[in-house]
Every structure is written in C-alpha cells, then in structure tokens.
Amino acid sequence: MKKLCCLLAGILLLCCGCAQSPGYASDRHQYDAETRLEQKEDTENLNANALSSITVPPDKKFAHMTLSSDVILAGTVADDGITERGPIFDILPDGPETDFTTYHINVREVWQGECDEEQITLKFCWPHQTRPFKDDELILFLKKQGSGFYTPTTASNASVFVINPPENKLFAMSTREYVVTYDNQSIKTLKSDVADTVEEFRDAAEYTYAVGAVALLALTKDDPLYDKYWEMYHDHPYGSQYAEIFD
C-alpha cells in the first residue's frame, strides 16, 4: 500500500510539473524569433520617420522605457481586437491619422505605477507593432492617454513582452538588444530588474530625461530628484496629468 501511495504521489507531481501555470489558457499562441524578425524592417522605418525622437544611449534604454511609463503590468488579451483609422493624438482631432487596433486587457498584476482597473483598453496606434492573439499573456510597459486608454510606451515593440508557452518564459516582441536579452528568462527576472531601475532612480542625484508616473510615484519628498520633477510638472500645462502626484 505504501508503494502504491508513493507511485500515485509521483505521478501527481509529474503532472503538476507539466501543467500550464494556473489560469493560463492551454492553447495560447507560441511565438518564435521568425515571427519577431518579420517586424524588424517596419519598426525601423517607423522610428526613422517618427514625429519626434529622443536620443538615449543603448545602456540607458531599458531604464528610460521603465521610468517614462505610467504603469507596468501583467495582463491577458481578452479579445481579437478591432482595427480602425483615426487621429494619432486626441488633442488634435484634425491632425495626422493612422490605423490603430484596440484590445481589452484583463489586468493580472500591477508591477509599477497605479492601475485600479480590472480591465484596460489598449491601443496599438502604430501599424508596425505586432498584433497579439486572444488569450496571450503579456507584460506591458504603458502610457495612459487622456481619454482613458493606454498605448505601449515605445512606438516599436520594445515595451511588449509575451509569457510564451509552454514553459511560460519571456519572449520579447522587439529585436532590440536591450529587451531580447530577456528571451527565455523567468518573469521574476524582468520584474526584479524593473524594481531595481525604479529604486536606482529614487536614489539618483541627476536624471536628464522626462519621466512618467512609474518614476514619479516612487519619489518622496526626501528623494534627491523630488524637487526637480515637482517644478517640472506641477505648474506646467503639459504636465497636468502628473501634477496630482505631487499634491
């Protein structure tokens, strides 16, 4: 009887080890490098023709993406998305237009920033971003837009990661070296690096780039950069979305 119980326990452990993580759909799309490489040319063309650009050294790009985001979260793609054409900027309804695809994302966990919604609206406003599939598990670095939806922080694929089946390891949607390095690594590795980046910003005496809510919400009045960003955003009309962080 004892041998039978040990055998059953072993089989149970083996099955648990092979199972998908709790709550992950078993038939999710699996991404590979060839899928990503198809996007490389379009993404580079987009960046070459961007309306505005900021030159960031290669060794600072991950930090810049992290700190300029408004929220970083893990979520599940809830639908197949709807593609429409409309203005790139809400504040310029008669301005330049582009195709954008709108998805709903069920929020699993907020890593940095604030988001109290169980489901958010995500728009890929650039036709060069990889379109996710329904039930994809994503790690997203996001900017919150004025009318209540979110867009990826970068105009390329760099701020979108997939939790790739069957091993549930990371897959970067971009060919950029600073994110491809996370391929096949654990989710915890990326989450830890994000947290370390935010903590380093808190302790920094100088930072030369604009930041988003992820960085600003980490600052307290005792942090070296608090006064600098208070002045930058509190009374600035273009910084009104961040001003309340300092109130």
Protein backbone atom coordinates (compact mmCIF):
# COMPACT_ATOMS: atom_id res chain seq x y z
CA MET A 1 0.00 0.00 0.00
CA LYS A 2 2.84 2.33 0.86
CA LYS A 3 4.49 1.71 -2.54
CA LEU A 4 1.18 2.40 -4.29
CA CYS A 5 0.77 5.73 -2.45
CA CYS A 6 4.33 6.74 -3.37
CA LEU A 7 3.69 5.86 -7.00
CA LEU A 8 0.48 7.90 -7.11
CA ALA A 9 2.22 10.85 -5.45
CA GLY A 10 5.00 10.70 -8.04
CA ILE A 11 2.54 10.69 -10.91
CA LEU A 12 0.71 13.66 -9.40
CA LEU A 13 3.93 15.66 -9.07
CA LEU A 14 4.88 14.84 -12.66
CA CYS A 15 1.50 16.02 -13.95
CA CYS A 16 1.69 19.23 -11.94
CA GLY A 17 5.16 19.95 -13.33
CA CYS A 18 3.94 19.58 -16.91
CA ALA A 19 0.77 21.61 -16.44
CA GLN A 20 0.33 25.21 -17.54
CA SER A 21 0.54 27.88 -14.85
CA PRO A 22 -2.79 28.35 -13.04
CA GLY A 23 -5.17 30.48 -15.06
CA TYR A 24 -3.17 30.40 -18.31
CA ALA A 25 -5.06 29.15 -21.35
CA SER A 26 -3.64 25.83 -22.56
CA ASP A 27 -3.88 26.65 -26.29
CA ARG A 28 -2.13 30.02 -26.36
CA HIS A 29 -0.21 31.11 -29.45
CA GLN A 30 3.51 30.35 -29.25
CA TYR A 31 5.90 32.97 -30.62
CA ASP A 32 9.34 32.39 -32.10
CA ALA A 33 12.17 34.55 -33.43
CA GLU A 34 10.95 34.34 -37.02
CA THR A 35 7.67 35.96 -36.02
CA ARG A 36 9.58 38.81 -34.43
CA LEU A 37 12.01 39.29 -37.30
CA GLU A 38 9.14 39.94 -39.71
CA GLN A 39 8.52 43.17 -37.81
CA LYS A 40 12.10 44.46 -37.85
CA GLU A 41 12.06 46.41 -41.12
CA ASP A 42 8.73 48.09 -40.45
CA THR A 43 9.74 49.04 -36.93
CA GLU A 44 12.99 50.61 -38.08
CA ASN A 45 11.16 52.58 -40.76
CA LEU A 46 8.72 53.86 -38.19
CA ASN A 47 11.45 55.06 -35.87
CA ALA A 48 13.24 56.76 -38.76
CA ASN A 49 10.09 58.73 -39.54
CA ALA A 50 8.88 59.35 -36.01
CA LEU A 51 7.27 62.71 -35.30
CA SER A 52 9.78 63.26 -32.52
CA SER A 53 12.66 61.27 -31.11
CA ILE A 54 14.88 61.28 -28.06
CA THR A 55 18.43 60.01 -28.33
CA VAL A 56 19.03 57.60 -25.47
CA PRO A 57 22.32 55.70 -25.09
CA PRO A 58 21.93 51.93 -25.56
CA ASP A 59 22.80 51.17 -21.94
CA LYS A 60 20.05 53.54 -20.74
CA LYS A 61 17.18 52.43 -22.98
CA PHE A 62 15.66 49.89 -20.62
CA ALA A 63 15.76 52.37 -17.76
CA HIS A 64 14.26 55.09 -19.93
CA MET A 65 11.42 52.80 -21.06
CA THR A 66 10.73 51.83 -17.46
CA LEU A 67 10.84 55.31 -15.96
CA SER A 68 8.85 57.01 -18.73
CA SER A 69 5.98 54.52 -18.40
CA ASP A 70 2.82 55.32 -16.46
CA VAL A 71 2.14 51.72 -15.48
CA ILE A 72 3.85 48.37 -15.95
CA LEU A 73 1.57 45.36 -15.61
CA ALA A 74 0.90 41.74 -16.49
CA GLY A 75 -2.36 41.03 -18.29
CA THR A 76 -4.33 38.72 -20.55
CA VAL A 77 -5.57 39.70 -24.01
CA ALA A 78 -9.36 39.40 -23.75
CA ASP A 79 -10.38 39.68 -27.43
CA ASP A 80 -9.20 39.67 -31.04
CA GLY A 81 -9.04 43.47 -31.29
CA ILE A 82 -10.75 45.94 -33.61
CA THR A 83 -8.77 47.91 -36.19
CA GLU A 84 -9.91 51.43 -37.12
CA ARG A 85 -8.41 54.62 -38.53
CA GLY A 86 -8.32 57.84 -36.55
CA PRO A 87 -6.21 60.76 -35.24
CA ILE A 88 -2.87 59.88 -33.72
CA PHE A 89 -3.43 62.45 -30.95
CA ASP A 90 -6.74 63.01 -29.15
CA ILE A 91 -5.92 66.68 -28.69
CA LEU A 92 -5.53 67.09 -32.47
CA PRO A 93 -8.75 65.63 -33.92
CA ASP A 94 -7.96 67.12 -37.33
CA GLY A 95 -4.32 66.12 -37.20
CA PRO A 96 -2.44 63.21 -38.79
CA GLU A 97 -4.21 59.85 -38.77
CA THR A 98 -3.06 56.25 -38.51
CA ASP A 99 -4.52 52.78 -38.21
CA PHE A 100 -4.82 51.58 -34.65
CA THR A 101 -6.05 48.33 -33.12
CA THR A 102 -7.94 48.34 -29.83
CA TYR A 103 -7.83 45.44 -27.38
CA HIS A 104 -9.15 44.84 -23.91
CA ILE A 105 -6.60 43.54 -21.41
CA ASN A 106 -7.61 41.78 -18.21
CA VAL A 107 -5.17 43.01 -15.55
CA ARG A 108 -3.46 40.24 -13.61
CA GLU A 109 -0.85 42.16 -11.62
CA VAL A 110 0.42 45.74 -11.49
CA TRP A 111 4.20 45.83 -11.17
CA GLN A 112 4.81 49.59 -11.04
CA GLY A 113 2.66 52.71 -11.23
CA GLU A 114 -1.04 52.73 -10.44
CA CYS A 115 -3.95 50.96 -12.11
CA ASP A 116 -7.09 50.05 -10.15
CA GLU A 117 -8.99 48.76 -13.19
CA GLU A 118 -9.67 45.06 -13.67
CA GLN A 119 -9.70 45.57 -17.44
CA ILE A 120 -8.00 48.27 -19.50
CA THR A 121 -8.30 49.41 -23.10
CA LEU A 122 -5.04 49.06 -25.03
CA LYS A 123 -4.45 50.72 -28.40
CA PHE A 124 -1.62 49.91 -30.73
CA CYS A 125 -1.58 53.21 -32.58
CA TRP A 126 1.19 52.26 -34.98
CA PRO A 127 0.67 49.71 -37.74
CA HIS A 128 4.16 48.35 -37.18
CA GLN A 129 3.55 46.81 -33.78
CA THR A 130 3.00 43.06 -33.57
CA ARG A 131 -0.65 42.20 -33.06
CA PRO A 132 -1.20 39.87 -30.11
CA PHE A 133 -3.63 36.97 -30.12
CA LYS A 134 -6.59 36.45 -27.81
CA ASP A 135 -5.52 34.78 -24.54
CA ASP A 136 -1.89 35.93 -24.91
CA GLU A 137 -0.25 36.64 -21.56
CA LEU A 138 1.63 39.93 -21.81
CA ILE A 139 3.95 42.12 -19.76
CA LEU A 140 3.23 45.69 -20.86
CA PHE A 141 5.06 49.00 -20.32
CA LEU A 142 2.29 51.56 -20.92
CA LYS A 143 1.45 55.25 -21.21
CA LYS A 144 -2.00 56.37 -20.11
CA GLN A 145 -3.74 58.62 -22.63
CA GLY A 146 -6.15 61.43 -21.81
CA SER A 147 -9.34 59.73 -22.94
CA GLY A 148 -8.82 56.72 -20.70
CA PHE A 149 -6.95 54.21 -22.83
CA TYR A 150 -3.34 53.03 -22.82
CA THR A 151 -0.66 52.73 -25.50
CA PRO A 152 2.73 50.97 -25.36
CA THR A 153 5.41 53.30 -24.02
CA THR A 154 7.58 52.93 -27.12
CA ALA A 155 6.38 53.26 -30.71
CA SER A 156 8.09 49.96 -31.53
CA ASN A 157 7.57 46.52 -30.00
CA ALA A 158 10.12 47.06 -27.23
CA SER A 159 7.62 47.62 -24.42
CA VAL A 160 5.63 44.42 -25.06
CA PHE A 161 6.72 41.02 -23.73
CA VAL A 162 4.90 37.70 -24.06
CA ILE A 163 4.78 34.99 -21.40
CA ASN A 164 5.41 32.32 -24.02
CA PRO A 165 4.00 28.79 -23.77
CA PRO A 166 4.65 26.03 -22.98
CA GLU A 167 7.43 26.89 -20.49
CA ASN A 168 5.95 30.32 -19.65
CA LYS A 169 9.26 32.07 -20.13
CA LEU A 170 9.66 35.60 -21.50
CA PHE A 171 9.66 36.43 -25.20
CA ALA A 172 10.44 39.99 -26.34
CA MET A 173 8.31 41.26 -29.21
CA SER A 174 11.15 43.51 -30.37
CA THR A 175 14.53 42.83 -31.97
CA ARG A 176 16.11 45.50 -29.77
CA GLU A 177 19.08 44.08 -27.88
CA TYR A 178 18.08 45.58 -24.55
CA VAL A 179 14.85 43.56 -24.49
CA VAL A 180 15.87 40.46 -26.48
CA THR A 181 18.25 39.71 -23.62
CA TYR A 182 15.17 38.66 -21.61
CA ASP A 183 14.21 35.88 -24.03
CA ASN A 184 13.66 32.56 -22.23
CA GLN A 185 14.22 34.16 -18.84
CA SER A 186 11.78 33.95 -15.96
CA ILE A 187 9.12 36.58 -15.34
CA LYS A 188 10.72 37.23 -11.95
CA THR A 189 13.95 38.37 -13.63
CA LEU A 190 12.21 41.14 -15.59
CA LYS A 191 10.10 42.15 -12.60
CA SER A 192 13.19 42.40 -10.41
CA ASP A 193 15.08 44.50 -12.97
CA VAL A 194 12.12 46.88 -13.25
CA ALA A 195 12.02 47.30 -9.46
CA ASP A 196 15.79 47.85 -9.30
CA THR A 197 15.56 50.51 -12.01
CA VAL A 198 12.90 52.42 -10.08
CA GLU A 199 14.90 52.19 -6.86
CA GLU A 200 18.05 53.48 -8.57
CA PHE A 201 16.06 56.43 -9.88
CA ARG A 202 14.88 57.24 -6.35
CA ASP A 203 18.47 57.39 -5.15
CA ALA A 204 19.86 59.26 -8.18
CA ALA A 205 21.13 62.80 -7.82
CA GLU A 206 20.58 63.52 -11.53
CA TYR A 207 18.42 62.21 -14.37
CA THR A 208 18.27 64.07 -17.66
CA TYR A 209 15.09 62.68 -19.24
CA ALA A 210 11.39 63.27 -18.68
CA VAL A 211 9.67 60.53 -16.70
CA GLY A 212 6.20 59.05 -16.30
CA ALA A 213 4.04 58.06 -13.35
CA VAL A 214 6.10 54.92 -12.66
CA ALA A 215 9.08 57.06 -11.65
CA LEU A 216 7.16 59.95 -10.11
CA LEU A 217 5.06 57.75 -7.84
CA ALA A 218 8.25 56.27 -6.44
CA LEU A 219 9.59 59.66 -5.30
CA THR A 220 9.12 61.01 -1.82
CA LYS A 221 9.98 64.49 -0.58
CA ASP A 222 13.25 63.18 0.81
CA ASP A 223 14.47 61.84 -2.54
CA PRO A 224 17.09 63.92 -4.42
CA LEU A 225 15.03 64.33 -7.60
CA TYR A 226 11.70 65.19 -5.98
CA ASP A 227 12.06 68.99 -6.18
CA LYS A 228 13.28 68.86 -9.80
CA TYR A 229 10.26 66.94 -11.03
CA TRP A 230 7.83 68.83 -8.81
CA GLU A 231 8.89 72.04 -10.56
CA MET A 232 8.83 70.37 -13.98
CA TYR A 233 5.28 69.01 -13.76
CA HIS A 234 3.31 70.71 -11.02
CA ASP A 235 2.63 74.04 -12.72
CA HIS A 236 3.30 73.04 -16.30
CA PRO A 237 0.21 72.79 -18.55
CA TYR A 238 1.60 69.78 -20.40
CA GLY A 239 2.40 68.08 -17.13
CA SER A 240 -1.11 68.33 -15.68
CA GLN A 241 -1.62 64.56 -15.83
CA TYR A 242 1.30 64.16 -13.40
CA ALA A 243 0.79 67.21 -11.21
CA GLU A 244 -1.59 65.44 -8.82
CA ILE A 245 1.21 63.04 -7.90
CA PHE A 246 2.90 65.90 -6.07
CA ASP A 247 -0.23 67.19 -4.30
